[in-house]
Structure formats: C-alpha cells, structure tokens
Amino acid sequence: MHASKGDRLIVHGRTAGQQDHVVEIIEVLGPEGTPPYRVRAEDGHETIMSPGPDSVIDHRKAGETA
C-alpha cells in the first residue's frame, strides 16, 4: 500500500449495513509512501493508522470527483 499526502483512505465496513469510513491522509510516516499514516476524519479528529486488508487508497485528492 502506497499513499501520498492528500489521498483518501477508505476502510470498508466489516458487517452488513456498516458504512465505509473515509479519512484524508495528512502525513505519510512510513518510507516511500507506506504506512503508518496520520489521518483526519471529516469531524476533524486526527489519528495514526496502519490500514489492514479491508482498506484501499483513493488517490483522488479531497474535492475531486471521478
């Protein structure tokens, strides 16, 4: 998994009916774009994450559309 500052990290819900959790990567702490990442949720909460296999990187920057 490789990411850059500004990418979005999407953590898929693990059970039926659970929504995906989307956060913005604000800092890459690992070498060459690898985890861990400092992330910010829509509500402003920040944390450090090492995403698991239920996560994907969306390389579109915040505000961009497909």
C-alpha atoms as a PDB file:
ATOM      1  CA  MET A   1       0.000   0.000   0.000  1.00  0.00           C
ATOM      2  CA  HIS A   2       1.426   3.363  -1.073  1.00  0.00           C
ATOM      3  CA  ALA A   3      -0.121   6.779  -0.485  1.00  0.00           C
ATOM      4  CA  SER A   4       0.665  10.478  -0.603  1.00  0.00           C
ATOM      5  CA  LYS A   5      -0.454  13.421   1.472  1.00  0.00           C
ATOM      6  CA  GLY A   6      -3.964  14.398   0.367  1.00  0.00           C
ATOM      7  CA  ASP A   7      -5.018  10.891  -0.707  1.00  0.00           C
ATOM      8  CA  ARG A   8      -8.086   9.356   0.893  1.00  0.00           C
ATOM      9  CA  LEU A   9      -8.035   6.135   2.878  1.00  0.00           C
ATOM     10  CA  ILE A  10     -11.235   4.094   2.670  1.00  0.00           C
ATOM     11  CA  VAL A  11     -11.828   1.448   5.330  1.00  0.00           C
ATOM     12  CA  HIS A  12     -14.663  -0.821   4.219  1.00  0.00           C
ATOM     13  CA  GLY A  13     -17.379  -1.775   6.696  1.00  0.00           C
ATOM     14  CA  ARG A  14     -16.870  -5.258   8.114  1.00  0.00           C
ATOM     15  CA  THR A  15     -20.504  -6.229   8.619  1.00  0.00           C
ATOM     16  CA  ALA A  16     -23.690  -5.876   6.580  1.00  0.00           C
ATOM     17  CA  GLY A  17     -25.109  -2.377   6.924  1.00  0.00           C
ATOM     18  CA  GLN A  18     -21.881  -0.838   8.250  1.00  0.00           C
ATOM     19  CA  GLN A  19     -20.753   2.118   6.141  1.00  0.00           C
ATOM     20  CA  ASP A  20     -17.251   2.691   4.815  1.00  0.00           C
ATOM     21  CA  HIS A  21     -15.064   5.045   6.852  1.00  0.00           C
ATOM     22  CA  VAL A  22     -13.243   7.658   4.732  1.00  0.00           C
ATOM     23  CA  VAL A  23     -10.364   9.766   6.068  1.00  0.00           C
ATOM     24  CA  GLU A  24      -7.825  12.101   4.464  1.00  0.00           C
ATOM     25  CA  ILE A  25      -4.131  11.263   4.714  1.00  0.00           C
ATOM     26  CA  ILE A  26      -2.417  14.350   6.115  1.00  0.00           C
ATOM     27  CA  GLU A  27       1.045  12.850   6.668  1.00  0.00           C
ATOM     28  CA  VAL A  28       2.856   9.719   5.493  1.00  0.00           C
ATOM     29  CA  LEU A  29       5.021   8.365   8.316  1.00  0.00           C
ATOM     30  CA  GLY A  30       6.460   5.274   6.598  1.00  0.00           C
ATOM     31  CA  PRO A  31       9.199   5.161   3.974  1.00  0.00           C
ATOM     32  CA  GLU A  32       8.251   5.708   0.308  1.00  0.00           C
ATOM     33  CA  GLY A  33       4.517   6.181   0.918  1.00  0.00           C
ATOM     34  CA  THR A  34       3.987   3.140   3.124  1.00  0.00           C
ATOM     35  CA  PRO A  35       2.046   3.055   6.432  1.00  0.00           C
ATOM     36  CA  PRO A  36       1.596   4.273   9.043  1.00  0.00           C
ATOM     37  CA  TYR A  37      -0.380   7.368   8.069  1.00  0.00           C
ATOM     38  CA  ARG A  38      -1.586  10.347  10.080  1.00  0.00           C
ATOM     39  CA  VAL A  39      -5.209  10.811   9.006  1.00  0.00           C
ATOM     40  CA  ARG A  40      -8.031  13.319   9.570  1.00  0.00           C
ATOM     41  CA  ALA A  41     -11.732  12.450   9.621  1.00  0.00           C
ATOM     42  CA  GLU A  42     -14.478  14.817   8.419  1.00  0.00           C
ATOM     43  CA  ASP A  43     -15.208  15.810  12.035  1.00  0.00           C
ATOM     44  CA  GLY A  44     -11.583  16.987  12.452  1.00  0.00           C
ATOM     45  CA  HIS A  45     -10.410  14.031  14.571  1.00  0.00           C
ATOM     46  CA  GLU A  46      -6.815  13.022  13.795  1.00  0.00           C
ATOM     47  CA  THR A  47      -5.106   9.702  14.485  1.00  0.00           C
ATOM     48  CA  ILE A  48      -2.318   7.463  13.214  1.00  0.00           C
ATOM     49  CA  MET A  49      -3.410   4.384  11.243  1.00  0.00           C
ATOM     50  CA  SER A  50      -1.740   1.315   9.805  1.00  0.00           C
ATOM     51  CA  PRO A  51      -4.530   0.132   7.498  1.00  0.00           C
ATOM     52  CA  GLY A  52      -5.418  -3.528   7.147  1.00  0.00           C
ATOM     53  CA  PRO A  53      -6.558  -5.621   4.172  1.00  0.00           C
ATOM     54  CA  ASP A  54     -10.068  -4.112   4.338  1.00  0.00           C
ATOM     55  CA  SER A  55      -8.667  -0.700   3.315  1.00  0.00           C
ATOM     56  CA  VAL A  56      -7.892   0.945  -0.034  1.00  0.00           C
ATOM     57  CA  ILE A  57      -6.196   4.167  -1.078  1.00  0.00           C
ATOM     58  CA  ASP A  58      -8.146   6.597  -3.266  1.00  0.00           C
ATOM     59  CA  HIS A  59      -5.536   8.749  -4.999  1.00  0.00           C
ATOM     60  CA  ARG A  60      -8.064  11.460  -5.916  1.00  0.00           C
ATOM     61  CA  LYS A  61      -7.488  14.474  -3.701  1.00  0.00           C
ATOM     62  CA  ALA A  62     -10.207  15.818  -1.428  1.00  0.00           C
ATOM     63  CA  GLY A  63     -12.812  17.634  -3.518  1.00  0.00           C
ATOM     64  CA  GLU A  64     -12.015  15.798  -6.776  1.00  0.00           C
ATOM     65  CA  THR A  65     -14.659  13.620  -8.407  1.00  0.00           C
ATOM     66  CA  ALA A  66     -14.362  10.569 -10.601  1.00  0.00           C
END
